[in-house]
Amino acid sequence: MASAFMPRQAIIYVDGFNLYFGALRGTPYRWLDLSLLCHHLLPENAVTQIRYFSARVSARPKDLDAPMRQETYWRALRTIPHLEIFQGQFTSHIKSMPLVKPIDGAETVKVISTQEKGSDVNLASHLLLDAFRERFDVAVVVSNDSDLVTPIRMVRDEFRKTVGILNPHPSPSRALQKVVSFYKPIREGVLQLSQFPPTLTDARGTFHKPEAW
């Protein structure tokens, strides 16, 4: 008698901002249930953990409610039992940038540079640590960031693990495609099928999808 099929255990590593800016911004699919997304795109794997890497946004003059929407979405994510959020941070500073064409003799202009720090390093660190501790059979990275090529290659070559990419961007990173075991695009149809219900309940009570979404 043939033995029962045993799905391979998978951990999912989500670059939150890469996912948002690649597939969600400006769409009606921002209320995304990552567990459902994995169910649809990785049906042959048993997802044991979803690690979500992001940073808290700040209010801006043209979007004062952004922090509140983000907190509501993180609250929705926390209703997924096997999901954990890891926070980086934003840094802002004034820097001089060169102008393409000088204006009134000025060759540079001062701008406010805002960068998200920590998510890619945190993701790579947890990916390598989980591989070292034999916590998964399959690692799946939700990102199109070629900065992750080296840790992914190390997990494949040194730990002999399967590593795949779920790409949220229209165009794939060729560098990533060369080092992963498999690659799948995240298309609009699966985003539509992977939404939280409009109303959710957690230990704090009932809450709703942000109206702007």
C-alpha atoms as a PDB file:
ATOM      1  CA  MET A   1       0.000   0.000   0.000  1.00  0.00           C
ATOM      2  CA  ALA A   2       1.362   3.400  -0.935  1.00  0.00           C
ATOM      3  CA  SER A   3       2.148   5.724   1.952  1.00  0.00           C
ATOM      4  CA  ALA A   4      -0.033   8.798   2.467  1.00  0.00           C
ATOM      5  CA  PHE A   5       1.237  11.999   0.903  1.00  0.00           C
ATOM      6  CA  MET A   6       2.966  14.186   3.474  1.00  0.00           C
ATOM      7  CA  PRO A   7       3.103  17.861   2.464  1.00  0.00           C
ATOM      8  CA  ARG A   8       6.414  19.595   2.936  1.00  0.00           C
ATOM      9  CA  GLN A   9       6.555  22.162   5.734  1.00  0.00           C
ATOM     10  CA  ALA A  10       7.000  25.736   4.548  1.00  0.00           C
ATOM     11  CA  ILE A  11       7.802  29.075   6.140  1.00  0.00           C
ATOM     12  CA  ILE A  12       6.796  32.244   4.272  1.00  0.00           C
ATOM     13  CA  TYR A  13       8.914  35.412   4.437  1.00  0.00           C
ATOM     14  CA  VAL A  14       7.002  38.521   3.364  1.00  0.00           C
ATOM     15  CA  ASP A  15       8.699  41.820   2.533  1.00  0.00           C
ATOM     16  CA  GLY A  16       5.683  43.961   3.402  1.00  0.00           C
ATOM     17  CA  PHE A  17       6.604  47.114   1.501  1.00  0.00           C
ATOM     18  CA  ASN A  18       7.835  45.207  -1.537  1.00  0.00           C
ATOM     19  CA  LEU A  19       4.477  43.416  -1.622  1.00  0.00           C
ATOM     20  CA  TYR A  20       2.521  46.636  -1.095  1.00  0.00           C
ATOM     21  CA  PHE A  21       4.262  48.742  -3.717  1.00  0.00           C
ATOM     22  CA  GLY A  22       4.511  45.865  -6.181  1.00  0.00           C
ATOM     23  CA  ALA A  23       0.963  44.500  -6.101  1.00  0.00           C
ATOM     24  CA  LEU A  24      -1.372  46.330  -3.702  1.00  0.00           C
ATOM     25  CA  ARG A  25      -0.974  50.108  -3.792  1.00  0.00           C
ATOM     26  CA  GLY A  26      -3.876  51.777  -5.568  1.00  0.00           C
ATOM     27  CA  THR A  27      -5.822  48.502  -5.901  1.00  0.00           C
ATOM     28  CA  PRO A  28      -8.955  47.237  -4.104  1.00  0.00           C
ATOM     29  CA  TYR A  29      -6.933  44.273  -2.785  1.00  0.00           C
ATOM     30  CA  ARG A  30      -5.029  45.878   0.099  1.00  0.00           C
ATOM     31  CA  TRP A  31      -7.096  43.950   2.702  1.00  0.00           C
ATOM     32  CA  LEU A  32      -4.990  40.919   1.835  1.00  0.00           C
ATOM     33  CA  ASP A  33      -5.183  37.703   3.859  1.00  0.00           C
ATOM     34  CA  LEU A  34      -1.663  36.282   3.560  1.00  0.00           C
ATOM     35  CA  SER A  35      -2.764  32.880   4.787  1.00  0.00           C
ATOM     36  CA  LEU A  36      -5.316  32.616   1.983  1.00  0.00           C
ATOM     37  CA  LEU A  37      -2.726  33.837  -0.514  1.00  0.00           C
ATOM     38  CA  CYS A  38      -0.414  30.995   0.533  1.00  0.00           C
ATOM     39  CA  HIS A  39      -3.293  28.514   0.368  1.00  0.00           C
ATOM     40  CA  HIS A  40      -3.988  29.431  -3.248  1.00  0.00           C
ATOM     41  CA  LEU A  41      -0.392  29.686  -4.469  1.00  0.00           C
ATOM     42  CA  LEU A  42       1.219  26.906  -2.400  1.00  0.00           C
ATOM     43  CA  PRO A  43      -1.433  24.167  -2.189  1.00  0.00           C
ATOM     44  CA  GLU A  44       1.117  21.355  -1.911  1.00  0.00           C
ATOM     45  CA  ASN A  45       2.869  22.807   1.141  1.00  0.00           C
ATOM     46  CA  ALA A  46       1.910  22.915   4.813  1.00  0.00           C
ATOM     47  CA  VAL A  47       2.570  26.509   5.877  1.00  0.00           C
ATOM     48  CA  THR A  48       3.732  26.439   9.490  1.00  0.00           C
ATOM     49  CA  GLN A  49       4.730  30.099   9.842  1.00  0.00           C
ATOM     50  CA  ILE A  50       4.336  33.424   8.055  1.00  0.00           C
ATOM     51  CA  ARG A  51       6.968  36.019   8.909  1.00  0.00           C
ATOM     52  CA  TYR A  52       5.920  39.536   7.883  1.00  0.00           C
ATOM     53  CA  PHE A  53       8.606  42.249   7.733  1.00  0.00           C
ATOM     54  CA  SER A  54       7.635  45.918   7.635  1.00  0.00           C
ATOM     55  CA  ALA A  55       7.930  49.248   9.484  1.00  0.00           C
ATOM     56  CA  ARG A  56       5.461  51.726  10.894  1.00  0.00           C
ATOM     57  CA  VAL A  57       4.546  54.549   8.532  1.00  0.00           C
ATOM     58  CA  SER A  58       4.117  58.152   9.625  1.00  0.00           C
ATOM     59  CA  ALA A  59       1.316  60.569   8.853  1.00  0.00           C
ATOM     60  CA  ARG A  60       1.973  62.943   5.962  1.00  0.00           C
ATOM     61  CA  PRO A  61       0.192  66.165   5.044  1.00  0.00           C
ATOM     62  CA  LYS A  62      -1.588  64.504   2.131  1.00  0.00           C
ATOM     63  CA  ASP A  63      -2.360  61.285   4.044  1.00  0.00           C
ATOM     64  CA  LEU A  64      -2.905  61.773   7.758  1.00  0.00           C
ATOM     65  CA  ASP A  65      -4.719  58.450   8.177  1.00  0.00           C
ATOM     66  CA  ALA A  66      -1.967  56.182   6.828  1.00  0.00           C
ATOM     67  CA  PRO A  67      -0.761  55.045  10.303  1.00  0.00           C
ATOM     68  CA  MET A  68      -4.311  54.203  11.365  1.00  0.00           C
ATOM     69  CA  ARG A  69      -4.939  52.147   8.206  1.00  0.00           C
ATOM     70  CA  GLN A  70      -1.665  50.313   8.664  1.00  0.00           C
ATOM     71  CA  GLU A  71      -2.425  49.527  12.300  1.00  0.00           C
ATOM     72  CA  THR A  72      -5.857  48.201  11.301  1.00  0.00           C
ATOM     73  CA  TYR A  73      -4.255  45.971   8.677  1.00  0.00           C
ATOM     74  CA  TRP A  74      -1.655  44.695  11.129  1.00  0.00           C
ATOM     75  CA  ARG A  75      -4.492  43.940  13.518  1.00  0.00           C
ATOM     76  CA  ALA A  76      -6.111  41.866  10.757  1.00  0.00           C
ATOM     77  CA  LEU A  77      -2.815  40.054  10.092  1.00  0.00           C
ATOM     78  CA  ARG A  78      -2.530  39.177  13.778  1.00  0.00           C
ATOM     79  CA  THR A  79      -5.786  37.194  13.521  1.00  0.00           C
ATOM     80  CA  ILE A  80      -3.744  34.652  11.506  1.00  0.00           C
ATOM     81  CA  PRO A  81      -2.515  32.238  14.211  1.00  0.00           C
ATOM     82  CA  HIS A  82       0.821  31.363  12.604  1.00  0.00           C
ATOM     83  CA  LEU A  83       1.810  34.911  11.537  1.00  0.00           C
ATOM     84  CA  GLU A  84       4.399  37.108  13.261  1.00  0.00           C
ATOM     85  CA  ILE A  85       5.233  40.747  12.445  1.00  0.00           C
ATOM     86  CA  PHE A  86       8.838  41.946  12.556  1.00  0.00           C
ATOM     87  CA  GLN A  87       9.363  45.709  12.547  1.00  0.00           C
ATOM     88  CA  GLY A  88      12.135  47.738  10.958  1.00  0.00           C
ATOM     89  CA  GLN A  89      12.098  51.512  10.966  1.00  0.00           C
ATOM     90  CA  PHE A  90      11.948  54.564   8.736  1.00  0.00           C
ATOM     91  CA  THR A  91      14.755  57.119   8.723  1.00  0.00           C
ATOM     92  CA  SER A  92      14.428  60.644   7.295  1.00  0.00           C
ATOM     93  CA  HIS A  93      17.135  63.190   6.646  1.00  0.00           C
ATOM     94  CA  ILE A  94      17.859  66.122   4.378  1.00  0.00           C
ATOM     95  CA  LYS A  95      20.301  65.477   1.550  1.00  0.00           C
ATOM     96  CA  SER A  96      21.506  67.306  -1.534  1.00  0.00           C
ATOM     97  CA  MET A  97      20.663  65.791  -4.904  1.00  0.00           C
ATOM     98  CA  PRO A  98      22.005  66.847  -8.326  1.00  0.00           C
ATOM     99  CA  LEU A  99      19.589  68.480 -10.755  1.00  0.00           C
ATOM    100  CA  VAL A 100      19.342  67.191 -14.331  1.00  0.00           C
ATOM    101  CA  LYS A 101      19.318  70.812 -15.493  1.00  0.00           C
ATOM    102  CA  PRO A 102      20.703  73.613 -13.288  1.00  0.00           C
ATOM    103  CA  ILE A 103      18.120  76.207 -12.195  1.00  0.00           C
ATOM    104  CA  ASP A 104      19.291  79.802 -11.767  1.00  0.00           C
ATOM    105  CA  GLY A 105      22.850  78.537 -11.518  1.00  0.00           C
ATOM    106  CA  ALA A 106      22.070  75.972  -8.813  1.00  0.00           C
ATOM    107  CA  GLU A 107      23.236  72.438  -9.644  1.00  0.00           C
ATOM    108  CA  THR A 108      21.780  70.710  -6.579  1.00  0.00           C
ATOM    109  CA  VAL A 109      18.578  70.803  -4.557  1.00  0.00           C
ATOM    110  CA  LYS A 110      17.904  69.782  -0.950  1.00  0.00           C
ATOM    111  CA  VAL A 111      15.302  67.039  -0.489  1.00  0.00           C
ATOM    112  CA  ILE A 112      13.888  65.017   2.406  1.00  0.00           C
ATOM    113  CA  SER A 113      15.059  61.438   1.941  1.00  0.00           C
ATOM    114  CA  THR A 114      12.946  58.786   3.663  1.00  0.00           C
ATOM    115  CA  GLN A 115      14.142  55.194   3.689  1.00  0.00           C
ATOM    116  CA  GLU A 116      12.819  52.020   5.250  1.00  0.00           C
ATOM    117  CA  LYS A 117      15.577  50.244   7.148  1.00  0.00           C
ATOM    118  CA  GLY A 118      15.808  46.761   8.517  1.00  0.00           C
ATOM    119  CA  SER A 119      13.230  44.676   6.680  1.00  0.00           C
ATOM    120  CA  ASP A 120      15.570  43.076   4.148  1.00  0.00           C
ATOM    121  CA  VAL A 121      18.238  42.402   6.791  1.00  0.00           C
ATOM    122  CA  ASN A 122      15.659  41.000   9.214  1.00  0.00           C
ATOM    123  CA  LEU A 123      14.173  38.798   6.501  1.00  0.00           C
ATOM    124  CA  ALA A 124      17.563  37.453   5.432  1.00  0.00           C
ATOM    125  CA  SER A 125      18.589  36.814   9.037  1.00  0.00           C
ATOM    126  CA  HIS A 126      15.462  34.832   9.883  1.00  0.00           C
ATOM    127  CA  LEU A 127      15.675  32.904   6.608  1.00  0.00           C
ATOM    128  CA  LEU A 128      19.227  31.794   7.385  1.00  0.00           C
ATOM    129  CA  LEU A 129      18.518  31.051  11.064  1.00  0.00           C
ATOM    130  CA  ASP A 130      15.447  28.966  10.243  1.00  0.00           C
ATOM    131  CA  ALA A 131      17.423  27.016   7.657  1.00  0.00           C
ATOM    132  CA  PHE A 132      20.237  26.393  10.176  1.00  0.00           C
ATOM    133  CA  ARG A 133      17.717  25.150  12.750  1.00  0.00           C
ATOM    134  CA  GLU A 134      15.968  22.885  10.220  1.00  0.00           C
ATOM    135  CA  ARG A 135      12.611  24.601  10.697  1.00  0.00           C
ATOM    136  CA  PHE A 136      11.354  24.142   7.138  1.00  0.00           C
ATOM    137  CA  ASP A 137      11.540  21.983   4.067  1.00  0.00           C
ATOM    138  CA  VAL A 138      10.584  24.890   1.806  1.00  0.00           C
ATOM    139  CA  ALA A 139      11.182  28.608   2.256  1.00  0.00           C
ATOM    140  CA  VAL A 140       9.058  31.004   0.210  1.00  0.00           C
ATOM    141  CA  VAL A 141      10.063  34.658  -0.099  1.00  0.00           C
ATOM    142  CA  VAL A 142       7.443  37.220  -1.096  1.00  0.00           C
ATOM    143  CA  SER A 143       9.605  39.898  -2.685  1.00  0.00           C
ATOM    144  CA  ASN A 144      11.309  40.998  -5.876  1.00  0.00           C
ATOM    145  CA  ASP A 145      14.334  42.507  -4.108  1.00  0.00           C
ATOM    146  CA  SER A 146      17.594  41.343  -5.673  1.00  0.00           C
ATOM    147  CA  ASP A 147      19.412  42.225  -2.415  1.00  0.00           C
ATOM    148  CA  LEU A 148      18.144  38.839  -1.181  1.00  0.00           C
ATOM    149  CA  VAL A 149      20.093  36.867  -3.788  1.00  0.00           C
ATOM    150  CA  THR A 150      23.002  36.003  -1.475  1.00  0.00           C
ATOM    151  CA  PRO A 151      21.017  34.675   1.526  1.00  0.00           C
ATOM    152  CA  ILE A 152      18.730  32.709  -0.804  1.00  0.00           C
ATOM    153  CA  ARG A 153      21.712  31.188  -2.592  1.00  0.00           C
ATOM    154  CA  MET A 154      23.274  30.274   0.758  1.00  0.00           C
ATOM    155  CA  VAL A 155      20.104  28.535   1.950  1.00  0.00           C
ATOM    156  CA  ARG A 156      19.940  26.540  -1.277  1.00  0.00           C
ATOM    157  CA  ASP A 157      23.631  25.669  -1.616  1.00  0.00           C
ATOM    158  CA  GLU A 158      24.778  25.344   2.002  1.00  0.00           C
ATOM    159  CA  PHE A 159      21.626  23.947   3.615  1.00  0.00           C
ATOM    160  CA  ARG A 160      20.226  22.125   0.557  1.00  0.00           C
ATOM    161  CA  LYS A 161      16.788  23.664   1.038  1.00  0.00           C
ATOM    162  CA  THR A 162      14.108  24.488  -1.504  1.00  0.00           C
ATOM    163  CA  VAL A 163      13.576  28.249  -1.809  1.00  0.00           C
ATOM    164  CA  GLY A 164      10.868  29.806  -3.952  1.00  0.00           C
ATOM    165  CA  ILE A 165       9.746  33.309  -4.846  1.00  0.00           C
ATOM    166  CA  LEU A 166       6.232  34.740  -4.962  1.00  0.00           C
ATOM    167  CA  ASN A 167       6.831  37.888  -6.997  1.00  0.00           C
ATOM    168  CA  PRO A 168       4.471  40.829  -6.399  1.00  0.00           C
ATOM    169  CA  HIS A 169       5.939  42.972  -9.193  1.00  0.00           C
ATOM    170  CA  PRO A 170       4.989  42.968 -12.886  1.00  0.00           C
ATOM    171  CA  SER A 171       8.571  42.273 -13.947  1.00  0.00           C
ATOM    172  CA  PRO A 172      10.699  39.592 -12.290  1.00  0.00           C
ATOM    173  CA  SER A 173      14.194  40.083 -10.952  1.00  0.00           C
ATOM    174  CA  ARG A 174      16.404  38.039 -13.248  1.00  0.00           C
ATOM    175  CA  ALA A 175      19.013  37.784 -10.498  1.00  0.00           C
ATOM    176  CA  LEU A 176      16.475  36.171  -8.159  1.00  0.00           C
ATOM    177  CA  GLN A 177      15.146  33.853 -10.842  1.00  0.00           C
ATOM    178  CA  LYS A 178      18.634  32.419 -11.292  1.00  0.00           C
ATOM    179  CA  VAL A 179      19.010  31.299  -7.655  1.00  0.00           C
ATOM    180  CA  VAL A 180      15.540  30.099  -6.601  1.00  0.00           C
ATOM    181  CA  SER A 181      14.046  26.618  -6.855  1.00  0.00           C
ATOM    182  CA  PHE A 182      10.741  27.929  -8.205  1.00  0.00           C
ATOM    183  CA  TYR A 183       9.125  31.224  -9.094  1.00  0.00           C
ATOM    184  CA  LYS A 184       5.449  32.253  -9.173  1.00  0.00           C
ATOM    185  CA  PRO A 185       3.971  35.662  -9.980  1.00  0.00           C
ATOM    186  CA  ILE A 186       1.249  37.088  -7.752  1.00  0.00           C
ATOM    187  CA  ARG A 187      -1.530  37.939 -10.170  1.00  0.00           C
ATOM    188  CA  GLU A 188      -4.674  40.034  -9.719  1.00  0.00           C
ATOM    189  CA  GLY A 189      -6.978  37.008  -9.725  1.00  0.00           C
ATOM    190  CA  VAL A 190      -5.357  35.396  -6.690  1.00  0.00           C
ATOM    191  CA  LEU A 191      -5.327  38.726  -4.835  1.00  0.00           C
ATOM    192  CA  GLN A 192      -9.056  38.992  -5.387  1.00  0.00           C
ATOM    193  CA  LEU A 193      -9.562  35.490  -3.960  1.00  0.00           C
ATOM    194  CA  SER A 194      -7.353  36.175  -0.933  1.00  0.00           C
ATOM    195  CA  GLN A 195      -9.160  38.976   0.908  1.00  0.00           C
ATOM    196  CA  PHE A 196     -10.099  39.130   4.576  1.00  0.00           C
ATOM    197  CA  PRO A 197     -13.826  39.466   5.322  1.00  0.00           C
ATOM    198  CA  PRO A 198     -14.804  43.164   5.635  1.00  0.00           C
ATOM    199  CA  THR A 199     -15.406  42.677   9.377  1.00  0.00           C
ATOM    200  CA  LEU A 200     -13.083  40.795  11.722  1.00  0.00           C
ATOM    201  CA  THR A 201     -13.040  40.045  15.440  1.00  0.00           C
ATOM    202  CA  ASP A 202     -10.081  39.622  17.762  1.00  0.00           C
ATOM    203  CA  ALA A 203      -9.534  39.733  21.537  1.00  0.00           C
ATOM    204  CA  ARG A 204     -10.083  43.508  21.510  1.00  0.00           C
ATOM    205  CA  GLY A 205     -13.425  43.325  19.710  1.00  0.00           C
ATOM    206  CA  THR A 206     -14.786  43.854  16.215  1.00  0.00           C
ATOM    207  CA  PHE A 207     -13.081  45.996  13.587  1.00  0.00           C
ATOM    208  CA  HIS A 208     -13.552  46.753   9.905  1.00  0.00           C
ATOM    209  CA  LYS A 209     -11.646  47.129   6.678  1.00  0.00           C
ATOM    210  CA  PRO A 210     -10.546  50.787   6.255  1.00  0.00           C
ATOM    211  CA  GLU A 211     -13.132  52.774   4.296  1.00  0.00           C
ATOM    212  CA  ALA A 212     -10.490  54.182   1.952  1.00  0.00           C
ATOM    213  CA  TRP A 213      -9.704  50.645   0.807  1.00  0.00           C
END
